[in-house]
N, C-alpha and C. Protein backbone atom coordinates (compact mmCIF):
# COMPACT_ATOMS: atom_id res chain seq x y z
N UNK A 1 0.56 -0.97 -0.51
CA UNK A 1 -0.22 0.41 0.27
C UNK A 1 0.88 0.94 -0.09
N UNK A 2 0.21 2.28 -0.89
CA UNK A 2 1.36 3.43 -1.05
C UNK A 2 1.59 4.39 0.22
N UNK A 3 2.02 4.95 0.74
CA UNK A 3 1.92 5.80 1.53
C UNK A 3 1.98 7.60 1.84
N UNK A 4 1.70 7.34 0.60
CA UNK A 4 1.61 9.17 0.27
C UNK A 4 0.11 9.09 -0.84
N UNK A 5 -0.79 9.72 -0.66
CA UNK A 5 -1.51 10.13 -2.00
C UNK A 5 -1.38 10.61 -2.85
N UNK A 6 -2.45 10.75 -3.78
CA UNK A 6 -1.56 11.24 -4.84
C UNK A 6 -1.87 13.06 -5.20
N UNK A 7 -2.03 13.78 -4.51
CA UNK A 7 -2.09 14.72 -4.33
C UNK A 7 -0.48 15.15 -3.58
N UNK A 8 -0.34 14.27 -2.07
CA UNK A 8 0.92 14.71 -1.85
C UNK A 8 2.33 14.33 -2.87
N UNK A 9 2.32 13.14 -3.33
CA UNK A 9 3.17 13.16 -4.55
C UNK A 9 3.16 14.03 -5.37
N UNK A 10 2.27 14.84 -6.23
CA UNK A 10 2.41 15.52 -6.89
C UNK A 10 2.83 17.28 -6.01
N UNK A 11 2.33 17.60 -5.04
CA UNK A 11 2.98 18.29 -4.67
C UNK A 11 4.50 18.49 -4.37
N UNK A 12 5.27 16.92 -4.30
CA UNK A 12 6.34 16.51 -3.79
C UNK A 12 7.14 17.21 -5.86
N UNK A 13 6.59 16.45 -6.50
CA UNK A 13 6.79 16.56 -7.59
C UNK A 13 7.03 18.17 -8.29
N UNK A 14 5.89 18.82 -8.15
CA UNK A 14 5.91 20.03 -8.28
C UNK A 14 6.64 21.11 -7.71
N UNK A 15 7.01 21.04 -6.32
CA UNK A 15 7.93 21.45 -5.53
C UNK A 15 9.32 21.08 -5.97
N UNK A 16 9.93 20.10 -6.27
CA UNK A 16 11.21 19.60 -6.16
C UNK A 16 11.21 20.40 -7.49
N UNK A 17 11.11 19.48 -8.58
CA UNK A 17 10.89 19.85 -10.33
C UNK A 17 11.66 18.18 -10.51
N UNK A 18 11.96 17.76 -10.13
CA UNK A 18 12.92 16.55 -10.62
C UNK A 18 12.20 15.49 -10.43
N UNK A 19 12.60 14.14 -11.35
CA UNK A 19 12.32 12.90 -10.74
C UNK A 19 13.56 12.08 -11.22
N UNK A 20 14.49 11.43 -10.80
CA UNK A 20 15.44 10.75 -11.47
C UNK A 20 14.66 9.59 -12.28
N UNK A 21 14.98 8.91 -12.88
CA UNK A 21 14.36 7.96 -13.69
C UNK A 21 15.71 6.40 -13.72
N UNK A 22 15.47 5.48 -12.93
CA UNK A 22 16.57 4.42 -12.89
C UNK A 22 16.06 2.78 -12.71
N UNK A 23 16.81 2.35 -12.92
CA UNK A 23 16.57 0.74 -12.57
C UNK A 23 17.62 -0.13 -13.01
N UNK A 24 18.08 -0.90 -12.34
CA UNK A 24 18.99 -1.72 -12.21
C UNK A 24 18.62 -2.89 -11.29
N UNK A 25 19.01 -4.31 -11.92
CA UNK A 25 18.10 -5.79 -11.38
C UNK A 25 19.30 -5.90 -10.64
N UNK A 26 20.36 -5.13 -9.71
CA UNK A 26 21.37 -5.85 -8.37
C UNK A 26 20.20 -4.84 -7.30
N UNK A 27 20.15 -5.61 -6.17
CA UNK A 27 19.47 -4.62 -5.08
C UNK A 27 20.65 -3.68 -4.08
N UNK A 28 21.79 -3.95 -4.31
CA UNK A 28 23.22 -3.49 -3.29
C UNK A 28 22.78 -2.70 -4.39
N UNK A 29 23.14 -2.72 -5.38
CA UNK A 29 23.48 -1.31 -6.31
C UNK A 29 22.11 -0.37 -6.65
N UNK A 30 20.95 -0.57 -6.62
CA UNK A 30 20.13 0.13 -6.58
C UNK A 30 20.23 0.63 -5.69
N UNK A 31 19.86 0.45 -4.05
CA UNK A 31 20.04 1.05 -2.75
C UNK A 31 21.19 1.96 -3.06
N UNK A 32 21.95 2.33 -3.68
CA UNK A 32 23.34 2.75 -3.65
C UNK A 32 23.00 3.95 -4.30
N UNK A 33 22.30 3.39 -5.38
CA UNK A 33 22.01 4.75 -6.25
C UNK A 33 20.82 5.62 -5.59
N UNK A 34 19.96 5.22 -5.17
CA UNK A 34 18.47 5.21 -4.73
C UNK A 34 19.37 6.32 -3.62
N UNK A 35 20.56 5.99 -2.80
CA UNK A 35 21.04 6.92 -1.50
C UNK A 35 21.71 7.82 -2.25
N UNK A 36 22.45 7.78 -3.62
CA UNK A 36 22.94 9.07 -4.05
C UNK A 36 22.35 9.83 -3.95
N UNK A 37 21.02 9.73 -4.78
CA UNK A 37 19.94 11.08 -5.32
C UNK A 37 19.77 11.66 -3.86
N UNK A 38 18.91 10.41 -3.29
CA UNK A 38 18.37 11.15 -1.81
C UNK A 38 19.64 12.33 -0.91
N UNK A 39 20.63 11.95 -1.23
CA UNK A 39 21.77 12.93 -0.52
C UNK A 39 21.60 14.43 -2.05
N UNK A 40 21.82 13.78 -2.76
CA UNK A 40 21.66 15.20 -3.64
C UNK A 40 20.12 15.75 -3.41
N UNK A 41 19.37 15.78 -2.96
CA UNK A 41 18.16 16.64 -2.50
C UNK A 41 17.00 15.63 -3.13
N UNK A 42 17.12 14.65 -4.35
CA UNK A 42 15.08 14.24 -4.87
C UNK A 42 14.81 13.89 -3.87
N UNK A 43 14.02 13.91 -3.71
CA UNK A 43 12.70 13.51 -2.84
C UNK A 43 11.80 12.38 -3.24
N UNK A 44 12.21 12.37 -4.96
CA UNK A 44 11.03 11.18 -5.85
C UNK A 44 12.34 10.74 -6.86
N UNK A 45 12.00 8.86 -6.59
CA UNK A 45 12.27 8.41 -7.49
C UNK A 45 11.51 7.48 -8.35
N UNK A 46 11.58 7.37 -10.06
CA UNK A 46 10.87 6.71 -10.83
C UNK A 46 11.89 5.24 -11.06
N UNK A 47 11.67 3.58 -10.48
CA UNK A 47 12.16 3.39 -10.50
C UNK A 47 11.18 2.21 -12.07
N UNK A 48 11.71 2.12 -13.17
CA UNK A 48 11.66 1.92 -14.39
C UNK A 48 11.64 0.23 -14.53
N UNK A 49 11.16 -0.21 -14.50
CA UNK A 49 10.53 -1.72 -14.31
C UNK A 49 10.42 -2.43 -15.26
N UNK A 50 12.24 -2.67 -15.86
CA UNK A 50 11.63 -3.11 -17.51
C UNK A 50 12.89 -4.57 -17.83
N UNK A 51 12.91 -4.89 -16.29
CA UNK A 51 13.71 -6.28 -16.38
C UNK A 51 13.30 -7.52 -15.67
N UNK A 52 13.34 -8.61 -15.70
CA UNK A 52 12.92 -9.85 -15.15
C UNK A 52 13.02 -9.86 -13.67
N UNK A 53 12.09 -9.60 -12.88
CA UNK A 53 12.04 -10.24 -11.34
C UNK A 53 12.11 -8.73 -10.88
N UNK A 54 11.61 -7.89 -11.95
CA UNK A 54 11.99 -6.00 -11.34
C UNK A 54 10.80 -5.91 -9.92
N UNK A 55 9.84 -6.67 -9.96
CA UNK A 55 9.34 -6.32 -8.69
C UNK A 55 9.65 -6.75 -7.48
N UNK A 56 10.38 -7.98 -7.50
CA UNK A 56 11.23 -8.14 -6.80
C UNK A 56 12.41 -7.21 -5.50
N UNK A 57 13.50 -6.60 -6.65
CA UNK A 57 13.68 -5.54 -6.58
C UNK A 57 13.73 -4.11 -5.72
N UNK A 58 12.39 -3.92 -6.73
CA UNK A 58 11.48 -3.03 -6.25
C UNK A 58 10.81 -3.21 -4.79
N UNK A 59 10.79 -4.24 -4.43
CA UNK A 59 10.24 -4.38 -2.99
C UNK A 59 11.17 -4.35 -2.07
N UNK A 60 12.50 -4.74 -2.25
CA UNK A 60 12.97 -4.51 -1.30
C UNK A 60 13.96 -2.98 -1.76
N UNK A 61 13.39 -2.50 -2.79
CA UNK A 61 14.08 -1.44 -2.18
C UNK A 61 13.07 -0.14 -1.64
N UNK A 62 12.19 -0.03 -1.67
CA UNK A 62 11.36 0.46 -1.15
C UNK A 62 11.12 0.30 0.37
N UNK A 63 11.47 -0.95 0.96
CA UNK A 63 11.71 -1.19 2.14
C UNK A 63 12.95 -0.61 2.59
N UNK A 64 13.64 -0.14 1.66
CA UNK A 64 15.02 0.52 2.39
C UNK A 64 14.69 2.01 2.45
N UNK A 65 14.16 2.72 1.51
CA UNK A 65 13.51 3.33 1.61
C UNK A 65 12.73 4.17 2.81
N UNK A 66 11.73 3.34 3.26
CA UNK A 66 11.40 3.22 4.33
C UNK A 66 11.94 3.34 5.57
N UNK A 67 12.77 2.94 5.84
CA UNK A 67 13.64 2.50 6.79
C UNK A 67 14.95 3.21 7.16
N UNK A 68 15.47 3.72 5.76
CA UNK A 68 16.78 4.92 6.02
C UNK A 68 16.37 5.90 4.88
N UNK A 69 15.62 6.45 4.45
CA UNK A 69 15.42 7.49 3.86
C UNK A 69 14.18 8.56 3.88
N UNK A 70 13.88 8.62 4.61
CA UNK A 70 12.48 9.61 5.52
C UNK A 70 12.34 10.61 4.35
N UNK A 71 11.24 10.25 3.87
CA UNK A 71 10.66 11.41 3.11
C UNK A 71 10.69 11.07 1.44
N UNK A 72 10.94 9.66 1.23
CA UNK A 72 11.94 9.31 0.02
C UNK A 72 10.21 8.37 -0.94
N UNK A 73 9.56 9.46 -1.92
CA UNK A 73 8.96 8.49 -2.51
C UNK A 73 9.40 8.25 -3.47
N UNK A 74 8.79 6.71 -3.43
CA UNK A 74 8.95 5.83 -4.73
C UNK A 74 8.16 5.15 -5.54
N UNK A 75 8.11 5.21 -7.09
CA UNK A 75 7.25 4.97 -7.52
C UNK A 75 7.76 4.23 -9.11
N UNK A 76 6.88 3.37 -9.77
CA UNK A 76 6.98 2.95 -10.39
C UNK A 76 6.85 2.91 -12.42
N UNK A 77 7.65 3.30 -12.99
CA UNK A 77 7.70 3.41 -14.71
C UNK A 77 7.76 2.25 -15.45
N UNK A 78 7.39 2.71 -16.84
CA UNK A 78 7.19 1.35 -17.87
C UNK A 78 6.43 0.16 -17.09
N UNK A 79 4.96 0.70 -16.65
CA UNK A 79 4.09 -0.06 -16.31
C UNK A 79 2.95 0.35 -17.60
N UNK A 80 2.91 -1.30 -18.00
CA UNK A 80 2.30 -1.46 -19.40
C UNK A 80 0.44 -2.22 -19.46
N UNK A 81 0.20 -2.47 -18.03
CA UNK A 81 -0.76 -2.85 -18.06
C UNK A 81 -1.28 -2.98 -16.02
N UNK A 82 -2.83 -3.04 -16.05
CA UNK A 82 -3.27 -2.76 -14.78
C UNK A 82 -3.00 -3.83 -14.34
N UNK A 83 -2.68 -4.87 -14.66
CA UNK A 83 -2.31 -6.17 -13.49
C UNK A 83 -0.45 -5.55 -13.18
N UNK A 84 0.32 -4.89 -13.36
CA UNK A 84 1.73 -4.85 -13.49
C UNK A 84 1.23 -3.48 -12.28
N UNK A 85 0.88 -2.41 -12.86
CA UNK A 85 0.28 -1.65 -11.97
C UNK A 85 -0.12 -1.97 -10.51
N UNK A 86 -1.11 -2.81 -10.40
CA UNK A 86 -1.47 -3.40 -9.56
C UNK A 86 -0.72 -4.30 -8.55
N UNK A 87 0.74 -4.97 -9.04
CA UNK A 87 1.50 -5.82 -8.53
C UNK A 87 2.92 -4.61 -7.68
N UNK A 88 2.53 -3.64 -8.44
CA UNK A 88 3.21 -2.40 -7.70
C UNK A 88 3.07 -1.82 -6.94
N UNK A 89 1.65 -1.43 -6.95
CA UNK A 89 0.86 -0.93 -5.93
C UNK A 89 0.85 -1.74 -4.40
N UNK A 90 0.63 -2.72 -5.19
CA UNK A 90 0.52 -3.80 -3.23
C UNK A 90 2.49 -3.96 -2.74
N UNK A 91 3.49 -3.59 -3.56
CA UNK A 91 4.21 -3.35 -3.16
C UNK A 91 4.68 -2.10 -2.15
N UNK A 92 3.49 -1.47 -2.43
CA UNK A 92 3.91 0.08 -2.07
C UNK A 92 4.24 1.36 -2.82
N UNK A 93 4.06 1.08 -4.42
CA UNK A 93 4.09 1.88 -4.74
C UNK A 93 3.52 3.65 -5.16
N UNK A 94 3.91 4.40 -5.06
CA UNK A 94 3.60 6.10 -4.60
C UNK A 94 2.68 6.46 -6.00
N UNK A 95 3.39 6.11 -7.00
CA UNK A 95 3.19 6.12 -8.28
C UNK A 95 3.79 5.63 -8.89
N UNK A 96 2.40 5.75 -10.13
CA UNK A 96 2.96 4.74 -11.40
C UNK A 96 2.83 5.39 -12.66
N UNK A 97 3.55 5.01 -14.00
CA UNK A 97 4.31 5.79 -14.63
C UNK A 97 4.24 4.99 -16.15
N UNK A 98 3.80 5.16 -17.04
CA UNK A 98 3.59 4.79 -17.98
C UNK A 98 3.93 5.02 -18.92
N UNK A 99 4.23 4.46 -20.38
CA UNK A 99 4.98 5.41 -21.50
C UNK A 99 3.36 5.40 -22.66
N UNK A 100 2.53 5.32 -22.25
CA UNK A 100 1.19 5.35 -23.06
C UNK A 100 0.43 5.55 -22.04
N UNK A 101 -1.12 6.19 -23.25
CA UNK A 101 -1.91 5.91 -22.33
C UNK A 101 -3.34 5.15 -21.92
N UNK A 102 -2.94 4.31 -20.77
CA UNK A 102 -4.55 3.25 -20.79
C UNK A 102 -5.24 3.22 -19.44
N UNK A 103 -6.74 3.49 -20.41
CA UNK A 103 -7.73 3.43 -19.35
C UNK A 103 -7.49 2.18 -18.24
N UNK A 104 -6.91 0.98 -18.76
CA UNK A 104 -7.23 0.11 -17.37
C UNK A 104 -6.29 0.63 -16.03
N UNK A 105 -5.16 0.58 -16.61
CA UNK A 105 -4.24 1.61 -15.43
C UNK A 105 -4.84 2.68 -15.30
N UNK A 106 -5.38 3.77 -15.45
CA UNK A 106 -6.08 5.13 -15.09
C UNK A 106 -7.11 4.06 -13.80
N UNK A 107 -8.00 3.47 -14.33
CA UNK A 107 -9.17 2.90 -13.08
C UNK A 107 -8.45 1.89 -11.54
N UNK A 108 -7.41 1.36 -12.02
CA UNK A 108 -6.87 0.71 -10.97
C UNK A 108 -5.77 1.57 -9.96
N UNK A 109 -5.26 2.91 -10.10
CA UNK A 109 -4.59 3.38 -9.40
C UNK A 109 -5.49 4.70 -9.07
N UNK A 110 -6.74 5.06 -9.93
CA UNK A 110 -7.79 5.79 -9.33
C UNK A 110 -8.90 5.25 -7.96
N UNK A 111 -8.71 4.04 -7.95
CA UNK A 111 -8.86 3.22 -7.13
C UNK A 111 -8.80 3.07 -5.90
N UNK A 112 -7.30 3.22 -6.30
CA UNK A 112 -6.58 3.03 -4.56
C UNK A 112 -5.57 4.85 -4.19
N UNK A 113 -6.37 5.87 -4.91
CA UNK A 113 -5.67 7.23 -4.73
C UNK A 113 -4.22 7.11 -5.02
N UNK A 114 -4.07 6.65 -5.84
CA UNK A 114 -2.74 6.44 -6.61
C UNK A 114 -2.16 7.52 -7.46
N UNK A 115 -1.39 8.10 -7.80
CA UNK A 115 -0.93 8.97 -8.52
C UNK A 115 -0.54 8.29 -9.94
N UNK A 116 -0.99 8.26 -11.14
CA UNK A 116 -0.40 7.84 -12.64
C UNK A 116 -0.56 9.13 -13.08
N UNK A 117 0.90 8.66 -13.99
CA UNK A 117 1.82 9.47 -14.86
C UNK A 117 1.28 9.22 -16.35
N UNK A 118 0.36 9.19 -17.17
CA UNK A 118 0.38 8.32 -18.66
C UNK A 118 1.48 9.05 -20.07
N UNK A 119 2.14 8.99 -20.56
CA UNK A 119 3.35 9.41 -21.42
C UNK A 119 1.76 9.39 -22.63
N UNK A 120 1.70 10.76 -22.65
CA UNK A 120 1.06 11.34 -23.68
C UNK A 120 2.15 12.38 -24.81
N UNK A 121 1.45 12.14 -26.33
CA UNK A 121 2.23 12.91 -27.54
C UNK A 121 1.35 13.49 -28.20
N UNK A 122 -0.21 13.65 -27.56
CA UNK A 122 -1.38 14.78 -28.63
C UNK A 122 -1.95 15.76 -27.40
N UNK A 123 -2.40 16.86 -28.06
CA UNK A 123 -3.00 17.56 -27.02
C UNK A 123 -4.76 16.55 -26.68
N UNK A 124 -5.06 16.27 -27.36
CA UNK A 124 -6.17 14.93 -27.50
C UNK A 124 -5.89 13.87 -26.17
N UNK A 125 -5.21 13.25 -26.13
CA UNK A 125 -4.47 11.95 -25.18
C UNK A 125 -4.51 13.11 -23.78
N UNK A 126 -3.88 14.43 -24.22
CA UNK A 126 -3.32 14.75 -22.71
C UNK A 126 -4.63 15.30 -22.18
N UNK A 127 -5.92 15.94 -22.84
CA UNK A 127 -7.34 16.03 -22.36
C UNK A 127 -8.06 14.84 -22.08
N UNK A 128 -7.65 13.57 -22.18
CA UNK A 128 -8.35 12.38 -21.92
C UNK A 128 -7.81 11.90 -20.81
N UNK A 129 -6.64 12.02 -20.52
CA UNK A 129 -6.11 11.23 -19.16
C UNK A 129 -6.24 12.63 -18.25
N UNK A 130 -6.70 14.13 -18.61
CA UNK A 130 -7.08 14.50 -17.55
C UNK A 130 -8.35 14.27 -17.34
N UNK A 131 -9.29 13.95 -18.30
CA UNK A 131 -10.48 13.43 -18.07
C UNK A 131 -10.76 12.55 -17.30
N UNK A 132 -9.76 11.54 -17.25
CA UNK A 132 -10.08 10.01 -16.45
C UNK A 132 -9.20 10.13 -15.23
N UNK A 133 -8.81 11.75 -14.58
CA UNK A 133 -8.24 11.97 -13.49
C UNK A 133 -6.39 12.07 -13.01
N UNK A 134 -6.09 12.08 -14.21
CA UNK A 134 -4.50 12.62 -14.20
C UNK A 134 -4.33 13.76 -13.54
N UNK A 135 -3.40 13.88 -12.44
CA UNK A 135 -2.91 15.21 -11.76
C UNK A 135 -0.99 15.48 -12.73
N UNK A 136 -0.43 14.61 -13.17
CA UNK A 136 0.60 15.45 -14.62
C UNK A 136 0.49 14.30 -15.77
N UNK A 137 0.80 14.80 -16.63
CA UNK A 137 0.69 14.19 -17.48
C UNK A 137 1.84 14.19 -17.98
N UNK A 138 2.58 13.21 -18.38
CA UNK A 138 4.35 12.77 -19.00
C UNK A 138 4.06 13.06 -20.24
N UNK A 139 4.92 13.93 -20.88
CA UNK A 139 5.18 14.02 -22.18
C UNK A 139 6.35 13.18 -22.62
N UNK A 140 6.15 12.14 -23.65
CA UNK A 140 7.23 11.54 -24.11
C UNK A 140 6.96 10.87 -25.49
N UNK A 141 7.89 10.75 -25.85
CA UNK A 141 9.13 11.36 -25.75
C UNK A 141 9.76 12.87 -25.61
N UNK A 142 10.48 13.08 -24.74
CA UNK A 142 10.22 14.94 -24.08
C UNK A 142 10.78 14.99 -25.57
N UNK A 143 11.66 14.06 -25.99
CA UNK A 143 13.18 15.07 -27.40
C UNK A 143 11.93 14.89 -28.36
N UNK A 144 11.36 14.20 -28.69
CA UNK A 144 10.30 14.53 -29.84
C UNK A 144 10.07 15.91 -29.74
N UNK A 145 9.23 16.05 -29.39
CA UNK A 145 8.13 17.05 -29.05
C UNK A 145 8.71 18.41 -28.36
N UNK A 146 9.89 18.33 -27.61
CA UNK A 146 10.26 19.82 -27.26
C UNK A 146 9.84 20.94 -26.46
N UNK A 147 10.41 22.07 -25.81
CA UNK A 147 9.91 22.82 -24.57
C UNK A 147 8.69 23.40 -25.68
N UNK A 148 8.75 23.81 -27.22
CA UNK A 148 7.45 24.23 -27.59
C UNK A 148 6.27 23.69 -27.72
N UNK A 149 6.14 22.54 -27.39
CA UNK A 149 5.16 21.75 -27.94
C UNK A 149 4.54 21.75 -26.31
N UNK A 150 5.41 21.87 -25.31
CA UNK A 150 5.11 22.70 -24.31
C UNK A 150 4.09 23.65 -23.96
N UNK A 151 5.05 24.52 -24.89
CA UNK A 151 4.45 26.01 -24.21
C UNK A 151 3.17 26.23 -25.33
N UNK A 152 2.98 25.72 -27.04
CA UNK A 152 1.72 25.68 -27.18
C UNK A 152 0.13 25.08 -26.28
N UNK A 153 0.54 23.81 -25.27
CA UNK A 153 -0.19 23.47 -24.90
C UNK A 153 -1.04 24.03 -23.75
N UNK A 154 0.14 24.98 -23.62
CA UNK A 154 0.00 25.65 -21.78
C UNK A 154 -1.42 27.01 -22.14
N UNK A 155 -0.85 27.68 -23.61
CA UNK A 155 -1.72 28.19 -24.31
C UNK A 155 -3.38 28.00 -23.78
N UNK A 156 -3.51 27.07 -24.76
CA UNK A 156 -5.40 26.89 -24.03
C UNK A 156 -5.27 26.20 -23.22
N UNK A 157 -4.32 24.95 -22.26
CA UNK A 157 -4.90 24.81 -21.10
C UNK A 157 -3.67 24.73 -20.63
N UNK A 158 -3.92 26.24 -19.57
CA UNK A 158 -2.38 26.57 -18.67
C UNK A 158 -3.10 25.85 -17.23
N UNK A 159 -3.90 24.82 -17.07
CA UNK A 159 -4.39 23.83 -15.71
C UNK A 159 -3.43 23.23 -15.90
N UNK A 160 -2.93 22.43 -17.41
CA UNK A 160 -2.26 21.04 -17.37
C UNK A 160 -0.61 21.39 -17.05
N UNK A 161 -0.48 20.45 -16.18
CA UNK A 161 0.69 19.89 -15.36
C UNK A 161 1.25 18.98 -16.35
N UNK A 162 2.82 19.24 -16.96
CA UNK A 162 3.43 18.57 -17.52
C UNK A 162 4.68 18.15 -17.03
N UNK A 163 5.03 16.77 -16.89
CA UNK A 163 6.62 16.31 -16.81
C UNK A 163 7.03 15.50 -18.22
N UNK A 164 7.80 15.99 -19.03
CA UNK A 164 8.48 15.84 -20.03
C UNK A 164 9.55 14.68 -19.68
N UNK A 165 9.87 13.12 -20.23
CA UNK A 165 10.98 12.42 -19.68
C UNK A 165 11.37 12.33 -21.42
N UNK A 166 12.92 12.09 -21.28
CA UNK A 166 13.50 12.10 -22.43
C UNK A 166 14.24 13.74 -23.12
N UNK A 167 14.81 13.89 -23.45
CA UNK A 167 15.39 14.73 -23.92
C UNK A 167 15.72 16.16 -23.13
N UNK A 168 15.56 15.78 -21.74
CA UNK A 168 16.19 16.44 -20.69
C UNK A 168 17.50 16.40 -20.23
N UNK A 169 18.32 17.65 -19.95
CA UNK A 169 19.76 17.45 -19.56
C UNK A 169 19.79 17.70 -18.32
N UNK A 170 20.82 17.31 -17.52
CA UNK A 170 21.45 18.30 -16.41
C UNK A 170 22.07 19.68 -16.41
N UNK A 171 21.55 20.36 -17.95
CA UNK A 171 22.62 21.50 -18.07
C UNK A 171 21.64 22.67 -18.07
N UNK A 172 22.06 23.82 -17.96
CA UNK A 172 21.93 25.01 -17.44
C UNK A 172 20.47 25.37 -18.89
N UNK A 173 20.82 25.15 -20.25
CA UNK A 173 19.94 25.59 -21.56
C UNK A 173 19.23 24.57 -21.32
N UNK A 174 19.22 23.51 -20.87
CA UNK A 174 17.78 22.44 -21.17
C UNK A 174 16.91 22.71 -20.25
N UNK A 175 17.40 22.76 -19.18
CA UNK A 175 16.43 23.27 -18.05
C UNK A 175 15.56 24.66 -17.94
N UNK A 176 16.65 25.66 -18.61
CA UNK A 176 15.77 26.73 -18.35
C UNK A 176 15.28 26.93 -19.79
N UNK A 177 15.23 26.04 -20.92
CA UNK A 177 14.16 26.15 -21.64
C UNK A 177 12.52 25.28 -21.23
N UNK A 178 13.27 24.48 -20.97
CA UNK A 178 11.58 23.39 -20.30
C UNK A 178 10.79 23.76 -19.16
N UNK A 179 11.71 24.63 -18.09
CA UNK A 179 10.99 25.49 -17.13
C UNK A 179 10.47 26.81 -17.44
N UNK A 180 10.71 27.45 -18.54
CA UNK A 180 10.53 28.41 -19.19
C UNK A 180 9.49 28.35 -19.61
N UNK A 181 9.19 27.05 -20.50
CA UNK A 181 8.21 26.88 -21.83
C UNK A 181 6.93 26.49 -20.63
N UNK A 182 6.99 25.99 -19.28
CA UNK A 182 5.69 25.63 -18.09
C UNK A 182 5.57 24.39 -17.73
N UNK A 183 6.55 23.54 -17.88
CA UNK A 183 6.83 22.21 -17.29
C UNK A 183 6.65 22.34 -16.02
N UNK A 184 6.05 21.22 -15.54
CA UNK A 184 5.77 21.20 -13.87
C UNK A 184 7.27 20.49 -13.24
N UNK A 185 7.08 19.53 -14.12
CA UNK A 185 8.12 19.06 -13.05
C UNK A 185 9.19 18.12 -14.65
N UNK A 186 10.64 17.42 -14.24
CA UNK A 186 11.06 17.00 -15.47
C UNK A 186 11.34 15.51 -14.81
N UNK A 187 11.71 14.74 -15.81
CA UNK A 187 12.27 13.47 -15.52
C UNK A 187 13.39 12.77 -16.13
N UNK A 188 14.58 12.75 -15.44
CA UNK A 188 15.59 12.61 -16.26
C UNK A 188 16.46 11.25 -15.92
N UNK A 189 16.98 10.48 -16.71
CA UNK A 189 17.34 8.91 -16.86
C UNK A 189 18.90 8.86 -16.51
N UNK A 190 19.59 8.19 -17.62
CA UNK A 190 20.63 8.59 -17.84
C UNK A 190 21.69 8.98 -18.43
N UNK A 191 21.03 10.32 -18.60
CA UNK A 191 22.18 12.19 -18.49
C UNK A 191 22.33 12.23 -17.13
N UNK A 192 21.03 11.77 -15.78
CA UNK A 192 21.78 12.42 -14.23
C UNK A 192 22.45 10.87 -13.90
N UNK A 193 21.96 9.40 -13.94
CA UNK A 193 22.28 8.87 -13.29
C UNK A 193 23.61 8.33 -14.06
N UNK A 194 24.64 8.86 -13.67
CA UNK A 194 26.17 8.65 -14.61
C UNK A 194 26.58 7.17 -13.93
N UNK A 195 27.17 7.22 -15.01
CA UNK A 195 28.77 6.09 -14.57
C UNK A 195 29.87 6.52 -15.10
N UNK A 196 30.85 5.53 -14.41
CA UNK A 196 32.27 6.30 -14.57
C UNK A 196 32.65 5.68 -16.16
N UNK A 197 34.14 5.64 -16.56
CA UNK A 197 34.19 5.05 -17.77
C UNK A 197 34.38 3.73 -17.80
N UNK A 198 34.40 2.68 -16.58
CA UNK A 198 34.66 1.67 -16.22
C UNK A 198 32.51 1.10 -16.36
N UNK A 199 31.97 1.73 -16.65
CA UNK A 199 30.05 1.34 -16.77
C UNK A 199 29.59 1.47 -15.72
N UNK A 200 30.74 1.78 -14.27
CA UNK A 200 30.69 1.39 -12.91
C UNK A 200 29.09 3.17 -12.77
N UNK A 201 28.17 2.97 -11.55
CA UNK A 201 27.74 4.04 -11.08
C UNK A 201 28.45 4.38 -10.32
N UNK A 202 28.45 6.11 -10.42
CA UNK A 202 29.14 7.13 -9.83
C UNK A 202 28.67 7.60 -9.14
N UNK A 203 28.18 7.29 -7.88
CA UNK A 203 27.51 7.89 -6.81
C UNK A 203 27.73 9.16 -6.25
N UNK A 204 29.05 9.58 -6.49
CA UNK A 204 29.55 10.91 -5.62
C UNK A 204 28.56 11.92 -7.03
N UNK A 205 29.04 11.34 -8.18
CA UNK A 205 28.85 12.38 -9.79
C UNK A 205 27.20 12.14 -9.89
N UNK A 206 26.48 11.40 -9.37
CA UNK A 206 25.16 10.85 -9.54
C UNK A 206 24.34 12.63 -8.48
N UNK A 207 24.75 12.55 -7.29
CA UNK A 207 24.65 13.04 -6.28
C UNK A 207 24.63 14.78 -6.41
N UNK A 208 26.23 14.60 -7.10
CA UNK A 208 26.21 16.22 -7.60
C UNK A 208 25.59 16.61 -8.62
N UNK A 209 25.15 15.87 -9.44
CA UNK A 209 24.51 16.23 -10.61
C UNK A 209 22.83 16.73 -10.68
N UNK A 210 22.28 15.84 -9.30
CA UNK A 210 21.10 15.85 -8.71
C UNK A 210 20.96 17.19 -7.95
N UNK A 211 22.15 17.10 -7.23
CA UNK A 211 22.02 19.12 -6.66
C UNK A 211 22.52 19.92 -7.88
N UNK A 212 22.87 20.42 -8.39
CA UNK A 212 22.44 20.83 -9.38
C UNK A 212 21.75 21.11 -10.02
N UNK A 213 20.64 20.15 -10.66
CA UNK A 213 19.76 20.16 -11.86
C UNK A 213 18.75 20.96 -10.67
N UNK A 214 18.31 20.54 -9.42
CA UNK A 214 17.42 20.95 -8.31
C UNK A 214 17.92 22.09 -8.22
N UNK A 215 19.06 23.12 -7.99
CA UNK A 215 19.61 24.40 -7.84
C UNK A 215 19.00 24.82 -8.98
N UNK A 216 19.25 24.76 -10.58
CA UNK A 216 19.12 25.01 -11.36
C UNK A 216 17.43 25.37 -11.56
N UNK A 217 16.56 24.58 -11.30
CA UNK A 217 14.93 24.45 -11.53
C UNK A 217 14.76 25.96 -10.03
N UNK A 218 15.30 25.97 -9.01
CA UNK A 218 14.84 26.55 -7.79
C UNK A 218 15.36 28.22 -8.78
N UNK A 219 16.86 27.93 -9.74
CA UNK A 219 17.14 29.44 -10.10
C UNK A 219 16.12 30.39 -11.51
N UNK A 220 15.76 29.14 -11.83
CA UNK A 220 14.64 29.21 -13.11
C UNK A 220 13.31 30.09 -12.58
N UNK A 221 12.68 28.92 -11.53
CA UNK A 221 11.48 29.65 -11.00
C UNK A 221 11.54 31.03 -10.40
N UNK A 222 12.37 31.42 -9.63
CA UNK A 222 12.75 32.51 -9.08
C UNK A 222 13.00 33.87 -9.99
């Protein structure tokens, strides 16, 4: 069962402005990455469950967060059907992110008052997601649409909250462009969850990039 309501999760997404995306099949490595994100100031993480037995890793990860990282909100991404969404919510997922708009997922998440963020690519999809109760829409793939798409949507629909995923970098130029266009928050994966020259996770760099990104977001907003 989730620890946070969908409104609480939406508020943290809005206030922090950053949702790191990450997946790894090893529990120990996943805990270290999560801790680096937490130490960097992130208070949400989307576990992109794309591998076999991902639910087992997530189950251990969320128990670790509850015990050791107060205030850290874990959710699950790359969810493609209602059964998978229900499984992860039973393990404690506080939000569900999908690559596409699926009404079956909306139903099971709304029933439990868990925030769900569907991947949308048209204004019609965004409007339908909001009709189904979506608080924050995922713009995916963000690099295809860009900040100008967000600006265009916010014209007729200033109430729409958008989180682009893909096409966002931990740089001044990228973050300024997206937030000035009107996004609520941004999702970042491989560009944020850094690795060293040997392909190993660089926990110090991950922490630093998150601190840097959150600082930039605060500067743009001010």
